[in-house]
Amino acid sequence: MSPAGFREIYLGARGFDPSLWLLAFDGDELAGCSLGYLERGTDTDLGWIGTLGVRAPWRRRGLGEALLRRSFAALHARGKRRIGLGVDAGNVTGALRLYERAGMRPVRRSDNWRRRA
């Protein structure tokens, strides 16, 4: 992604607050991140975690759950009582189990379709 594309998608997103972006480092290396937002689309009551990721060498050590719970706390401190995120249900890295363990539950499922040209 280009720097301009990153700025447009992430920094230009509705509800952007850089204090809700959590970065976890191991020395000089970024191990994981959680990018929180104060709202999602037109739902100003819903806090949102736009990206939660842990790089492969740091997975299965509790970092993802720690980032997720810290994001919950930060959004709750700003008055958000509902928090959502989107996930690829085919994700095999354990993300679905992580979200369920943290008390989340699916509220909507959708399929993406593609036509070959």
PDB file of N, CA and C in Angstrom:
ATOM      1  N   MET A   1       0.853  -1.174   0.000  1.00  0.00           N
ATOM      2  CA  MET A   1       0.000   0.000   0.000  1.00  0.00           C
ATOM      3  C   MET A   1       0.897   1.235   0.000  1.00  0.00           C
ATOM      4  N   SER A   2       0.525   2.191  -0.791  1.00  0.00           N
ATOM      5  CA  SER A   2       1.300   3.428  -0.857  1.00  0.00           C
ATOM      6  C   SER A   2       1.052   4.272   0.393  1.00  0.00           C
ATOM      7  N   PRO A   3       1.983   5.165   0.718  1.00  0.00           N
ATOM      8  CA  PRO A   3       1.749   6.075   1.853  1.00  0.00           C
ATOM      9  C   PRO A   3       0.462   6.888   1.695  1.00  0.00           C
ATOM     10  N   ALA A   4       0.165   7.328   0.477  1.00  0.00           N
ATOM     11  CA  ALA A   4      -1.062   8.098   0.249  1.00  0.00           C
ATOM     12  C   ALA A   4      -2.294   7.231   0.492  1.00  0.00           C
ATOM     13  N   GLY A   5      -2.251   5.986   0.041  1.00  0.00           N
ATOM     14  CA  GLY A   5      -3.369   5.071   0.268  1.00  0.00           C
ATOM     15  C   GLY A   5      -3.561   4.782   1.751  1.00  0.00           C
ATOM     16  N   PHE A   6      -2.452   4.616   2.470  1.00  0.00           N
ATOM     17  CA  PHE A   6      -2.532   4.394   3.918  1.00  0.00           C
ATOM     18  C   PHE A   6      -3.176   5.586   4.607  1.00  0.00           C
ATOM     19  N   ARG A   7      -2.741   6.780   4.255  1.00  0.00           N
ATOM     20  CA  ARG A   7      -3.317   7.988   4.861  1.00  0.00           C
ATOM     21  C   ARG A   7      -4.812   8.069   4.594  1.00  0.00           C
ATOM     22  N   GLU A   8      -5.201   7.792   3.372  1.00  0.00           N
ATOM     23  CA  GLU A   8      -6.619   7.883   3.015  1.00  0.00           C
ATOM     24  C   GLU A   8      -7.463   6.852   3.758  1.00  0.00           C
ATOM     25  N   ILE A   9      -7.015   5.615   3.773  1.00  0.00           N
ATOM     26  CA  ILE A   9      -7.811   4.538   4.362  1.00  0.00           C
ATOM     27  C   ILE A   9      -7.783   4.564   5.883  1.00  0.00           C
ATOM     28  N   TYR A  10      -6.629   4.712   6.466  1.00  0.00           N
ATOM     29  CA  TYR A  10      -6.505   4.581   7.913  1.00  0.00           C
ATOM     30  C   TYR A  10      -6.604   5.914   8.652  1.00  0.00           C
ATOM     31  N   LEU A  11      -5.829   6.883   8.223  1.00  0.00           N
ATOM     32  CA  LEU A  11      -5.826   8.164   8.936  1.00  0.00           C
ATOM     33  C   LEU A  11      -7.055   9.002   8.608  1.00  0.00           C
ATOM     34  N   GLY A  12      -7.637   8.779   7.449  1.00  0.00           N
ATOM     35  CA  GLY A  12      -8.821   9.535   7.052  1.00  0.00           C
ATOM     36  C   GLY A  12     -10.122   8.884   7.486  1.00  0.00           C
ATOM     37  N   ALA A  13     -10.019   7.748   8.159  1.00  0.00           N
ATOM     38  CA  ALA A  13     -11.232   7.028   8.565  1.00  0.00           C
ATOM     39  C   ALA A  13     -11.998   7.797   9.629  1.00  0.00           C
ATOM     40  N   ARG A  14     -13.292   7.695   9.549  1.00  0.00           N
ATOM     41  CA  ARG A  14     -14.169   8.310  10.541  1.00  0.00           C
ATOM     42  C   ARG A  14     -13.841   7.744  11.919  1.00  0.00           C
ATOM     43  N   GLY A  15     -13.742   8.591  12.918  1.00  0.00           N
ATOM     44  CA  GLY A  15     -13.458   8.136  14.273  1.00  0.00           C
ATOM     45  C   GLY A  15     -11.985   7.944  14.566  1.00  0.00           C
ATOM     46  N   PHE A  16     -11.107   8.374  13.646  1.00  0.00           N
ATOM     47  CA  PHE A  16      -9.668   8.202  13.856  1.00  0.00           C
ATOM     48  C   PHE A  16      -9.203   8.997  15.076  1.00  0.00           C
ATOM     49  N   ASP A  17      -8.507   8.322  15.957  1.00  0.00           N
ATOM     50  CA  ASP A  17      -7.895   8.926  17.135  1.00  0.00           C
ATOM     51  C   ASP A  17      -6.587   8.177  17.360  1.00  0.00           C
ATOM     52  N   PRO A  18      -5.448   8.810  17.103  1.00  0.00           N
ATOM     53  CA  PRO A  18      -4.178   8.086  17.183  1.00  0.00           C
ATOM     54  C   PRO A  18      -3.882   7.511  18.566  1.00  0.00           C
ATOM     55  N   SER A  19      -4.515   8.026  19.604  1.00  0.00           N
ATOM     56  CA  SER A  19      -4.276   7.465  20.933  1.00  0.00           C
ATOM     57  C   SER A  19      -4.922   6.089  21.091  1.00  0.00           C
ATOM     58  N   LEU A  20      -5.771   5.694  20.142  1.00  0.00           N
ATOM     59  CA  LEU A  20      -6.400   4.373  20.167  1.00  0.00           C
ATOM     60  C   LEU A  20      -5.625   3.350  19.340  1.00  0.00           C
ATOM     61  N   TRP A  21      -4.506   3.770  18.789  1.00  0.00           N
ATOM     62  CA  TRP A  21      -3.659   2.848  18.037  1.00  0.00           C
ATOM     63  C   TRP A  21      -2.601   2.308  18.979  1.00  0.00           C
ATOM     64  N   LEU A  22      -2.599   1.011  19.193  1.00  0.00           N
ATOM     65  CA  LEU A  22      -1.667   0.369  20.100  1.00  0.00           C
ATOM     66  C   LEU A  22      -0.648  -0.433  19.302  1.00  0.00           C
ATOM     67  N   LEU A  23       0.614  -0.196  19.575  1.00  0.00           N
ATOM     68  CA  LEU A  23       1.699  -0.904  18.894  1.00  0.00           C
ATOM     69  C   LEU A  23       2.512  -1.649  19.930  1.00  0.00           C
ATOM     70  N   ALA A  24       2.809  -2.910  19.662  1.00  0.00           N
ATOM     71  CA  ALA A  24       3.616  -3.731  20.573  1.00  0.00           C
ATOM     72  C   ALA A  24       4.947  -4.030  19.893  1.00  0.00           C
ATOM     73  N   PHE A  25       6.016  -3.641  20.542  1.00  0.00           N
ATOM     74  CA  PHE A  25       7.357  -3.861  20.002  1.00  0.00           C
ATOM     75  C   PHE A  25       8.116  -4.879  20.836  1.00  0.00           C
ATOM     76  N   ASP A  26       8.954  -5.619  20.177  1.00  0.00           N
ATOM     77  CA  ASP A  26       9.939  -6.486  20.819  1.00  0.00           C
ATOM     78  C   ASP A  26      11.283  -5.933  20.376  1.00  0.00           C
ATOM     79  N   GLY A  27      11.882  -5.124  21.228  1.00  0.00           N
ATOM     80  CA  GLY A  27      13.086  -4.405  20.814  1.00  0.00           C
ATOM     81  C   GLY A  27      12.712  -3.408  19.740  1.00  0.00           C
ATOM     82  N   ASP A  28      13.362  -3.518  18.592  1.00  0.00           N
ATOM     83  CA  ASP A  28      13.088  -2.618  17.467  1.00  0.00           C
ATOM     84  C   ASP A  28      12.044  -3.166  16.508  1.00  0.00           C
ATOM     85  N   GLU A  29      11.573  -4.383  16.742  1.00  0.00           N
ATOM     86  CA  GLU A  29      10.644  -5.005  15.801  1.00  0.00           C
ATOM     87  C   GLU A  29       9.199  -4.866  16.258  1.00  0.00           C
ATOM     88  N   LEU A  30       8.347  -4.497  15.310  1.00  0.00           N
ATOM     89  CA  LEU A  30       6.908  -4.434  15.585  1.00  0.00           C
ATOM     90  C   LEU A  30       6.379  -5.866  15.656  1.00  0.00           C
ATOM     91  N   ALA A  31       5.836  -6.244  16.810  1.00  0.00           N
ATOM     92  CA  ALA A  31       5.315  -7.595  17.008  1.00  0.00           C
ATOM     93  C   ALA A  31       3.819  -7.659  16.729  1.00  0.00           C
ATOM     94  N   GLY A  32       3.087  -6.583  17.030  1.00  0.00           N
ATOM     95  CA  GLY A  32       1.653  -6.592  16.816  1.00  0.00           C
ATOM     96  C   GLY A  32       1.070  -5.201  16.955  1.00  0.00           C
ATOM     97  N   CYS A  33      -0.190  -5.075  16.558  1.00  0.00           N
ATOM     98  CA  CYS A  33      -0.861  -3.779  16.648  1.00  0.00           C
ATOM     99  C   CYS A  33      -2.361  -3.970  16.755  1.00  0.00           C
ATOM    100  N   SER A  34      -3.009  -2.959  17.295  1.00  0.00           N
ATOM    101  CA  SER A  34      -4.462  -2.872  17.316  1.00  0.00           C
ATOM    102  C   SER A  34      -4.814  -1.428  16.984  1.00  0.00           C
ATOM    103  N   LEU A  35      -5.565  -1.236  15.919  1.00  0.00           N
ATOM    104  CA  LEU A  35      -5.918   0.103  15.460  1.00  0.00           C
ATOM    105  C   LEU A  35      -7.392   0.361  15.755  1.00  0.00           C
ATOM    106  N   GLY A  36      -7.650   1.101  16.836  1.00  0.00           N
ATOM    107  CA  GLY A  36      -9.007   1.376  17.265  1.00  0.00           C
ATOM    108  C   GLY A  36      -9.543   2.688  16.716  1.00  0.00           C
ATOM    109  N   TYR A  37     -10.863   2.751  16.582  1.00  0.00           N
ATOM    110  CA  TYR A  37     -11.558   3.941  16.098  1.00  0.00           C
ATOM    111  C   TYR A  37     -12.772   4.206  16.985  1.00  0.00           C
ATOM    112  N   LEU A  38     -13.112   5.460  17.133  1.00  0.00           N
ATOM    113  CA  LEU A  38     -14.232   5.846  17.991  1.00  0.00           C
ATOM    114  C   LEU A  38     -15.603   5.542  17.401  1.00  0.00           C
ATOM    115  N   GLU A  39     -15.668   5.250  16.120  1.00  0.00           N
ATOM    116  CA  GLU A  39     -16.951   4.915  15.505  1.00  0.00           C
ATOM    117  C   GLU A  39     -16.721   4.152  14.226  1.00  0.00           C
ATOM    118  N   ARG A  40     -17.785   3.569  13.723  1.00  0.00           N
ATOM    119  CA  ARG A  40     -17.725   2.806  12.480  1.00  0.00           C
ATOM    120  C   ARG A  40     -18.843   3.302  11.581  1.00  0.00           C
ATOM    121  N   GLY A  41     -18.501   3.860  10.443  1.00  0.00           N
ATOM    122  CA  GLY A  41     -19.512   4.363   9.525  1.00  0.00           C
ATOM    123  C   GLY A  41     -20.391   5.402  10.187  1.00  0.00           C
ATOM    124  N   THR A  42     -21.679   5.185  10.127  1.00  0.00           N
ATOM    125  CA  THR A  42     -22.622   6.146  10.706  1.00  0.00           C
ATOM    126  C   THR A  42     -23.042   5.767  12.123  1.00  0.00           C
ATOM    127  N   ASP A  43     -22.551   4.642  12.629  1.00  0.00           N
ATOM    128  CA  ASP A  43     -22.911   4.188  13.982  1.00  0.00           C
ATOM    129  C   ASP A  43     -21.942   4.799  14.988  1.00  0.00           C
ATOM    130  N   THR A  44     -22.312   5.951  15.526  1.00  0.00           N
ATOM    131  CA  THR A  44     -21.423   6.668  16.446  1.00  0.00           C
ATOM    132  C   THR A  44     -21.386   6.040  17.838  1.00  0.00           C
ATOM    133  N   ASP A  45     -22.252   5.066  18.110  1.00  0.00           N
ATOM    134  CA  ASP A  45     -22.244   4.381  19.399  1.00  0.00           C
ATOM    135  C   ASP A  45     -21.304   3.179  19.410  1.00  0.00           C
ATOM    136  N   LEU A  46     -20.811   2.793  18.246  1.00  0.00           N
ATOM    137  CA  LEU A  46     -20.007   1.591  18.113  1.00  0.00           C
ATOM    138  C   LEU A  46     -18.532   1.933  17.986  1.00  0.00           C
ATOM    139  N   GLY A  47     -17.728   1.512  18.965  1.00  0.00           N
ATOM    140  CA  GLY A  47     -16.277   1.590  18.819  1.00  0.00           C
ATOM    141  C   GLY A  47     -15.840   0.489  17.869  1.00  0.00           C
ATOM    142  N   TRP A  48     -14.721   0.673  17.204  1.00  0.00           N
ATOM    143  CA  TRP A  48     -14.329  -0.278  16.170  1.00  0.00           C
ATOM    144  C   TRP A  48     -12.840  -0.563  16.227  1.00  0.00           C
ATOM    145  N   ILE A  49     -12.495  -1.808  16.053  1.00  0.00           N
ATOM    146  CA  ILE A  49     -11.093  -2.191  15.917  1.00  0.00           C
ATOM    147  C   ILE A  49     -10.896  -2.520  14.443  1.00  0.00           C
ATOM    148  N   GLY A  50     -10.259  -1.600  13.754  1.00  0.00           N
ATOM    149  CA  GLY A  50     -10.101  -1.731  12.314  1.00  0.00           C
ATOM    150  C   GLY A  50      -9.090  -2.791  11.926  1.00  0.00           C
ATOM    151  N   THR A  51      -8.052  -2.922  12.697  1.00  0.00           N
ATOM    152  CA  THR A  51      -7.023  -3.919  12.433  1.00  0.00           C
ATOM    153  C   THR A  51      -6.483  -4.429  13.755  1.00  0.00           C
ATOM    154  N   LEU A  52      -6.393  -5.722  13.878  1.00  0.00           N
ATOM    155  CA  LEU A  52      -5.707  -6.362  14.993  1.00  0.00           C
ATOM    156  C   LEU A  52      -4.805  -7.402  14.365  1.00  0.00           C
ATOM    157  N   GLY A  53      -3.523  -7.271  14.594  1.00  0.00           N
ATOM    158  CA  GLY A  53      -2.602  -8.213  13.978  1.00  0.00           C
ATOM    159  C   GLY A  53      -1.396  -8.479  14.850  1.00  0.00           C
ATOM    160  N   VAL A  54      -0.945  -9.726  14.798  1.00  0.00           N
ATOM    161  CA  VAL A  54       0.275 -10.132  15.474  1.00  0.00           C
ATOM    162  C   VAL A  54       1.123 -10.869  14.441  1.00  0.00           C
ATOM    163  N   ARG A  55       2.370 -10.453  14.304  1.00  0.00           N
ATOM    164  CA  ARG A  55       3.254 -11.091  13.338  1.00  0.00           C
ATOM    165  C   ARG A  55       3.570 -12.524  13.783  1.00  0.00           C
ATOM    166  N   ALA A  56       3.755 -13.391  12.821  1.00  0.00           N
ATOM    167  CA  ALA A  56       3.883 -14.827  13.056  1.00  0.00           C
ATOM    168  C   ALA A  56       4.828 -15.215  14.200  1.00  0.00           C
ATOM    169  N   PRO A  57       6.020 -14.666  14.314  1.00  0.00           N
ATOM    170  CA  PRO A  57       6.912 -15.118  15.395  1.00  0.00           C
ATOM    171  C   PRO A  57       6.385 -14.841  16.806  1.00  0.00           C
ATOM    172  N   TRP A  58       5.405 -13.960  16.948  1.00  0.00           N
ATOM    173  CA  TRP A  58       4.888 -13.589  18.268  1.00  0.00           C
ATOM    174  C   TRP A  58       3.489 -14.155  18.546  1.00  0.00           C
ATOM    175  N   ARG A  59       2.982 -14.954  17.636  1.00  0.00           N
ATOM    176  CA  ARG A  59       1.646 -15.528  17.836  1.00  0.00           C
ATOM    177  C   ARG A  59       1.680 -16.633  18.887  1.00  0.00           C
ATOM    178  N   ARG A  60       0.489 -16.886  19.455  1.00  0.00           N
ATOM    179  CA  ARG A  60       0.283 -17.951  20.452  1.00  0.00           C
ATOM    180  C   ARG A  60       1.050 -17.677  21.741  1.00  0.00           C
ATOM    181  N   ARG A  61       1.218 -16.384  22.065  1.00  0.00           N
ATOM    182  CA  ARG A  61       1.885 -15.990  23.304  1.00  0.00           C
ATOM    183  C   ARG A  61       1.006 -15.053  24.141  1.00  0.00           C
ATOM    184  N   GLY A  62      -0.226 -14.801  23.664  1.00  0.00           N
ATOM    185  CA  GLY A  62      -1.133 -13.933  24.404  1.00  0.00           C
ATOM    186  C   GLY A  62      -1.088 -12.474  23.997  1.00  0.00           C
ATOM    187  N   LEU A  63      -0.241 -12.135  23.042  1.00  0.00           N
ATOM    188  CA  LEU A  63      -0.123 -10.733  22.627  1.00  0.00           C
ATOM    189  C   LEU A  63      -1.402 -10.231  21.965  1.00  0.00           C
ATOM    190  N   GLY A  64      -2.002 -11.028  21.098  1.00  0.00           N
ATOM    191  CA  GLY A  64      -3.237 -10.608  20.434  1.00  0.00           C
ATOM    192  C   GLY A  64      -4.341 -10.337  21.431  1.00  0.00           C
ATOM    193  N   GLU A  65      -4.497 -11.224  22.399  1.00  0.00           N
ATOM    194  CA  GLU A  65      -5.530 -11.028  23.410  1.00  0.00           C
ATOM    195  C   GLU A  65      -5.235  -9.793  24.259  1.00  0.00           C
ATOM    196  N   ALA A  66      -3.976  -9.586  24.605  1.00  0.00           N
ATOM    197  CA  ALA A  66      -3.611  -8.405  25.398  1.00  0.00           C
ATOM    198  C   ALA A  66      -3.918  -7.119  24.628  1.00  0.00           C
ATOM    199  N   LEU A  67      -3.588  -7.086  23.342  1.00  0.00           N
ATOM    200  CA  LEU A  67      -3.891  -5.905  22.525  1.00  0.00           C
ATOM    201  C   LEU A  67      -5.393  -5.691  22.415  1.00  0.00           C
ATOM    202  N   LEU A  68      -6.131  -6.777  22.199  1.00  0.00           N
ATOM    203  CA  LEU A  68      -7.579  -6.680  22.063  1.00  0.00           C
ATOM    204  C   LEU A  68      -8.214  -6.148  23.348  1.00  0.00           C
ATOM    205  N   ARG A  69      -7.842  -6.713  24.472  1.00  0.00           N
ATOM    206  CA  ARG A  69      -8.419  -6.273  25.743  1.00  0.00           C
ATOM    207  C   ARG A  69      -8.002  -4.845  26.090  1.00  0.00           C
ATOM    208  N   ARG A  70      -6.801  -4.473  25.753  1.00  0.00           N
ATOM    209  CA  ARG A  70      -6.356  -3.093  25.986  1.00  0.00           C
ATOM    210  C   ARG A  70      -7.159  -2.125  25.111  1.00  0.00           C
ATOM    211  N   SER A  71      -7.463  -2.535  23.885  1.00  0.00           N
ATOM    212  CA  SER A  71      -8.300  -1.719  22.999  1.00  0.00           C
ATOM    213  C   SER A  71      -9.714  -1.594  23.556  1.00  0.00           C
ATOM    214  N   PHE A  72     -10.266  -2.702  24.077  1.00  0.00           N
ATOM    215  CA  PHE A  72     -11.579  -2.643  24.719  1.00  0.00           C
ATOM    216  C   PHE A  72     -11.565  -1.596  25.828  1.00  0.00           C
ATOM    217  N   ALA A  73     -10.538  -1.636  26.668  1.00  0.00           N
ATOM    218  CA  ALA A  73     -10.454  -0.708  27.806  1.00  0.00           C
ATOM    219  C   ALA A  73     -10.346   0.736  27.332  1.00  0.00           C
ATOM    220  N   ALA A  74      -9.543   0.989  26.307  1.00  0.00           N
ATOM    221  CA  ALA A  74      -9.373   2.353  25.798  1.00  0.00           C
ATOM    222  C   ALA A  74     -10.682   2.880  25.207  1.00  0.00           C
ATOM    223  N   LEU A  75     -11.388   2.056  24.458  1.00  0.00           N
ATOM    224  CA  LEU A  75     -12.659   2.479  23.873  1.00  0.00           C
ATOM    225  C   LEU A  75     -13.729   2.644  24.952  1.00  0.00           C
ATOM    226  N   HIS A  76     -13.728   1.763  25.928  1.00  0.00           N
ATOM    227  CA  HIS A  76     -14.679   1.872  27.038  1.00  0.00           C
ATOM    228  C   HIS A  76     -14.445   3.168  27.809  1.00  0.00           C
ATOM    229  N   ALA A  77     -13.181   3.523  28.019  1.00  0.00           N
ATOM    230  CA  ALA A  77     -12.856   4.764  28.732  1.00  0.00           C
ATOM    231  C   ALA A  77     -13.359   5.997  27.982  1.00  0.00           C
ATOM    232  N   ARG A  78     -13.592   5.861  26.692  1.00  0.00           N
ATOM    233  CA  ARG A  78     -14.120   6.973  25.886  1.00  0.00           C
ATOM    234  C   ARG A  78     -15.623   6.849  25.689  1.00  0.00           C
ATOM    235  N   GLY A  79     -16.258   5.974  26.493  1.00  0.00           N
ATOM    236  CA  GLY A  79     -17.713   5.889  26.494  1.00  0.00           C
ATOM    237  C   GLY A  79     -18.322   4.846  25.580  1.00  0.00           C
ATOM    238  N   LYS A  80     -17.518   4.056  24.903  1.00  0.00           N
ATOM    239  CA  LYS A  80     -18.065   3.039  23.997  1.00  0.00           C
ATOM    240  C   LYS A  80     -18.442   1.789  24.783  1.00  0.00           C
ATOM    241  N   ARG A  81     -19.687   1.385  24.669  1.00  0.00           N
ATOM    242  CA  ARG A  81     -20.169   0.197  25.356  1.00  0.00           C
ATOM    243  C   ARG A  81     -20.366  -0.968  24.395  1.00  0.00           C
ATOM    244  N   ARG A  82     -20.246  -0.682  23.104  1.00  0.00           N
ATOM    245  CA  ARG A  82     -20.275  -1.720  22.072  1.00  0.00           C
ATOM    246  C   ARG A  82     -19.028  -1.554  21.222  1.00  0.00           C
ATOM    247  N   ILE A  83     -18.363  -2.665  20.958  1.00  0.00           N
ATOM    248  CA  ILE A  83     -17.141  -2.628  20.160  1.00  0.00           C
ATOM    249  C   ILE A  83     -17.217  -3.758  19.147  1.00  0.00           C
ATOM    250  N   GLY A  84     -16.867  -3.443  17.914  1.00  0.00           N
ATOM    251  CA  GLY A  84     -16.911  -4.443  16.862  1.00  0.00           C
ATOM    252  C   GLY A  84     -15.608  -4.522  16.101  1.00  0.00           C
ATOM    253  N   LEU A  85     -15.537  -5.538  15.274  1.00  0.00           N
ATOM    254  CA  LEU A  85     -14.430  -5.698  14.338  1.00  0.00           C
ATOM    255  C   LEU A  85     -14.883  -6.634  13.246  1.00  0.00           C
ATOM    256  N   GLY A  86     -14.189  -6.632  12.159  1.00  0.00           N
ATOM    257  CA  GLY A  86     -14.499  -7.535  11.060  1.00  0.00           C
ATOM    258  C   GLY A  86     -13.406  -8.576  10.955  1.00  0.00           C
ATOM    259  N   VAL A  87     -13.770  -9.771  10.522  1.00  0.00           N
ATOM    260  CA  VAL A  87     -12.782 -10.843  10.399  1.00  0.00           C
ATOM    261  C   VAL A  87     -13.145 -11.744   9.230  1.00  0.00           C
ATOM    262  N   ASP A  88     -12.137 -12.276   8.588  1.00  0.00           N
ATOM    263  CA  ASP A  88     -12.320 -13.265   7.548  1.00  0.00           C
ATOM    264  C   ASP A  88     -12.575 -14.602   8.247  1.00  0.00           C
ATOM    265  N   ALA A  89     -13.758 -15.164   8.082  1.00  0.00           N
ATOM    266  CA  ALA A  89     -14.131 -16.408   8.773  1.00  0.00           C
ATOM    267  C   ALA A  89     -13.229 -17.569   8.371  1.00  0.00           C
ATOM    268  N   GLY A  90     -12.535 -17.441   7.268  1.00  0.00           N
ATOM    269  CA  GLY A  90     -11.601 -18.474   6.843  1.00  0.00           C
ATOM    270  C   GLY A  90     -10.232 -18.308   7.472  1.00  0.00           C
ATOM    271  N   ASN A  91     -10.095 -17.359   8.351  1.00  0.00           N
ATOM    272  CA  ASN A  91      -8.830 -17.072   9.011  1.00  0.00           C
ATOM    273  C   ASN A  91      -8.406 -18.288   9.839  1.00  0.00           C
ATOM    274  N   VAL A  92      -7.274 -18.828   9.528  1.00  0.00           N
ATOM    275  CA  VAL A  92      -6.813 -20.038  10.221  1.00  0.00           C
ATOM    276  C   VAL A  92      -5.764 -19.749  11.287  1.00  0.00           C
ATOM    277  N   THR A  93      -5.545 -18.495  11.609  1.00  0.00           N
ATOM    278  CA  THR A  93      -4.510 -18.151  12.587  1.00  0.00           C
ATOM    279  C   THR A  93      -5.020 -18.176  14.014  1.00  0.00           C
ATOM    280  N   GLY A  94      -6.264 -18.536  14.229  1.00  0.00           N
ATOM    281  CA  GLY A  94      -6.809 -18.579  15.578  1.00  0.00           C
ATOM    282  C   GLY A  94      -7.556 -17.323  15.963  1.00  0.00           C
ATOM    283  N   ALA A  95      -7.760 -16.417  15.031  1.00  0.00           N
ATOM    284  CA  ALA A  95      -8.428 -15.155  15.346  1.00  0.00           C
ATOM    285  C   ALA A  95      -9.842 -15.366  15.872  1.00  0.00           C
ATOM    286  N   LEU A  96     -10.587 -16.251  15.267  1.00  0.00           N
ATOM    287  CA  LEU A  96     -11.970 -16.469  15.720  1.00  0.00           C
ATOM    288  C   LEU A  96     -12.006 -16.961  17.157  1.00  0.00           C
ATOM    289  N   ARG A  97     -11.129 -17.885  17.504  1.00  0.00           N
ATOM    290  CA  ARG A  97     -11.068 -18.374  18.886  1.00  0.00           C
ATOM    291  C   ARG A  97     -10.679 -17.246  19.838  1.00  0.00           C
ATOM    292  N   LEU A  98      -9.753 -16.417  19.420  1.00  0.00           N
ATOM    293  CA  LEU A  98      -9.325 -15.273  20.239  1.00  0.00           C
ATOM    294  C   LEU A  98     -10.505 -14.351  20.526  1.00  0.00           C
ATOM    295  N   TYR A  99     -11.267 -13.997  19.505  1.00  0.00           N
ATOM    296  CA  TYR A  99     -12.387 -13.072  19.686  1.00  0.00           C
ATOM    297  C   TYR A  99     -13.456 -13.673  20.596  1.00  0.00           C
ATOM    298  N   GLU A 100     -13.732 -14.943  20.410  1.00  0.00           N
ATOM    299  CA  GLU A 100     -14.718 -15.602  21.274  1.00  0.00           C
ATOM    300  C   GLU A 100     -14.224 -15.666  22.715  1.00  0.00           C
ATOM    301  N   ARG A 101     -12.954 -15.964  22.916  1.00  0.00           N
ATOM    302  CA  ARG A 101     -12.376 -16.024  24.258  1.00  0.00           C
ATOM    303  C   ARG A 101     -12.461 -14.659  24.948  1.00  0.00           C
ATOM    304  N   ALA A 102     -12.394 -13.596  24.169  1.00  0.00           N
ATOM    305  CA  ALA A 102     -12.465 -12.236  24.721  1.00  0.00           C
ATOM    306  C   ALA A 102     -13.909 -11.774  24.917  1.00  0.00           C
ATOM    307  N   GLY A 103     -14.887 -12.659  24.636  1.00  0.00           N
ATOM    308  CA  GLY A 103     -16.287 -12.324  24.882  1.00  0.00           C
ATOM    309  C   GLY A 103     -17.040 -11.805  23.678  1.00  0.00           C
ATOM    310  N   MET A 104     -16.434 -11.809  22.519  1.00  0.00           N
ATOM    311  CA  MET A 104     -17.113 -11.340  21.314  1.00  0.00           C
ATOM    312  C   MET A 104     -17.919 -12.484  20.712  1.00  0.00           C
ATOM    313  N   ARG A 105     -18.911 -12.104  19.905  1.00  0.00           N
ATOM    314  CA  ARG A 105     -19.717 -13.094  19.211  1.00  0.00           C
ATOM    315  C   ARG A 105     -20.077 -12.551  17.840  1.00  0.00           C
ATOM    316  N   PRO A 106     -20.259 -13.436  16.879  1.00  0.00           N
ATOM    317  CA  PRO A 106     -20.626 -12.960  15.540  1.00  0.00           C
ATOM    318  C   PRO A 106     -22.041 -12.387  15.533  1.00  0.00           C
ATOM    319  N   VAL A 107     -22.228 -11.277  14.843  1.00  0.00           N
ATOM    320  CA  VAL A 107     -23.563 -10.688  14.715  1.00  0.00           C
ATOM    321  C   VAL A 107     -24.012 -10.639  13.259  1.00  0.00           C
ATOM    322  N   ARG A 108     -23.071 -10.791  12.347  1.00  0.00           N
ATOM    323  CA  ARG A 108     -23.430 -10.769  10.921  1.00  0.00           C
ATOM    324  C   ARG A 108     -22.341 -11.509  10.149  1.00  0.00           C
ATOM    325  N   ARG A 109     -22.768 -12.226   9.181  1.00  0.00           N
ATOM    326  CA  ARG A 109     -21.830 -12.911   8.291  1.00  0.00           C
ATOM    327  C   ARG A 109     -22.165 -12.522   6.868  1.00  0.00           C
ATOM    328  N   SER A 110     -21.142 -12.428   6.056  1.00  0.00           N
ATOM    329  CA  SER A 110     -21.379 -12.085   4.659  1.00  0.00           C
ATOM    330  C   SER A 110     -20.388 -12.847   3.782  1.00  0.00           C
ATOM    331  N   ASP A 111     -20.740 -12.972   2.538  1.00  0.00           N
ATOM    332  CA  ASP A 111     -19.883 -13.626   1.559  1.00  0.00           C
ATOM    333  C   ASP A 111     -19.416 -12.585   0.556  1.00  0.00           C
ATOM    334  N   ASN A 112     -18.216 -12.754   0.101  1.00  0.00           N
ATOM    335  CA  ASN A 112     -17.680 -11.917  -0.970  1.00  0.00           C
ATOM    336  C   ASN A 112     -17.616 -12.768  -2.227  1.00  0.00           C
ATOM    337  N   TRP A 113     -18.117 -12.236  -3.306  1.00  0.00           N
ATOM    338  CA  TRP A 113     -18.149 -12.950  -4.571  1.00  0.00           C
ATOM    339  C   TRP A 113     -17.254 -12.245  -5.579  1.00  0.00           C
ATOM    340  N   ARG A 114     -16.697 -13.045  -6.464  1.00  0.00           N
ATOM    341  CA  ARG A 114     -15.810 -12.476  -7.474  1.00  0.00           C
ATOM    342  C   ARG A 114     -16.063 -13.199  -8.789  1.00  0.00           C
ATOM    343  N   ARG A 115     -16.053 -12.448  -9.850  1.00  0.00           N
ATOM    344  CA  ARG A 115     -16.218 -13.027 -11.180  1.00  0.00           C
ATOM    345  C   ARG A 115     -14.909 -12.894 -11.913  1.00  0.00           C
ATOM    346  N   ARG A 116     -14.482 -13.959 -12.490  1.00  0.00           N
ATOM    347  CA  ARG A 116     -13.254 -13.910 -13.285  1.00  0.00           C
ATOM    348  C   ARG A 116     -13.533 -13.193 -14.595  1.00  0.00           C
ATOM    349  N   ALA A 117     -12.606 -12.362 -14.982  1.00  0.00           N
ATOM    350  CA  ALA A 117     -12.778 -11.590 -16.226  1.00  0.00           C
ATOM    351  C   ALA A 117     -12.427 -12.412 -17.448  1.00  0.00           C
TER     352      ALA A 117
END
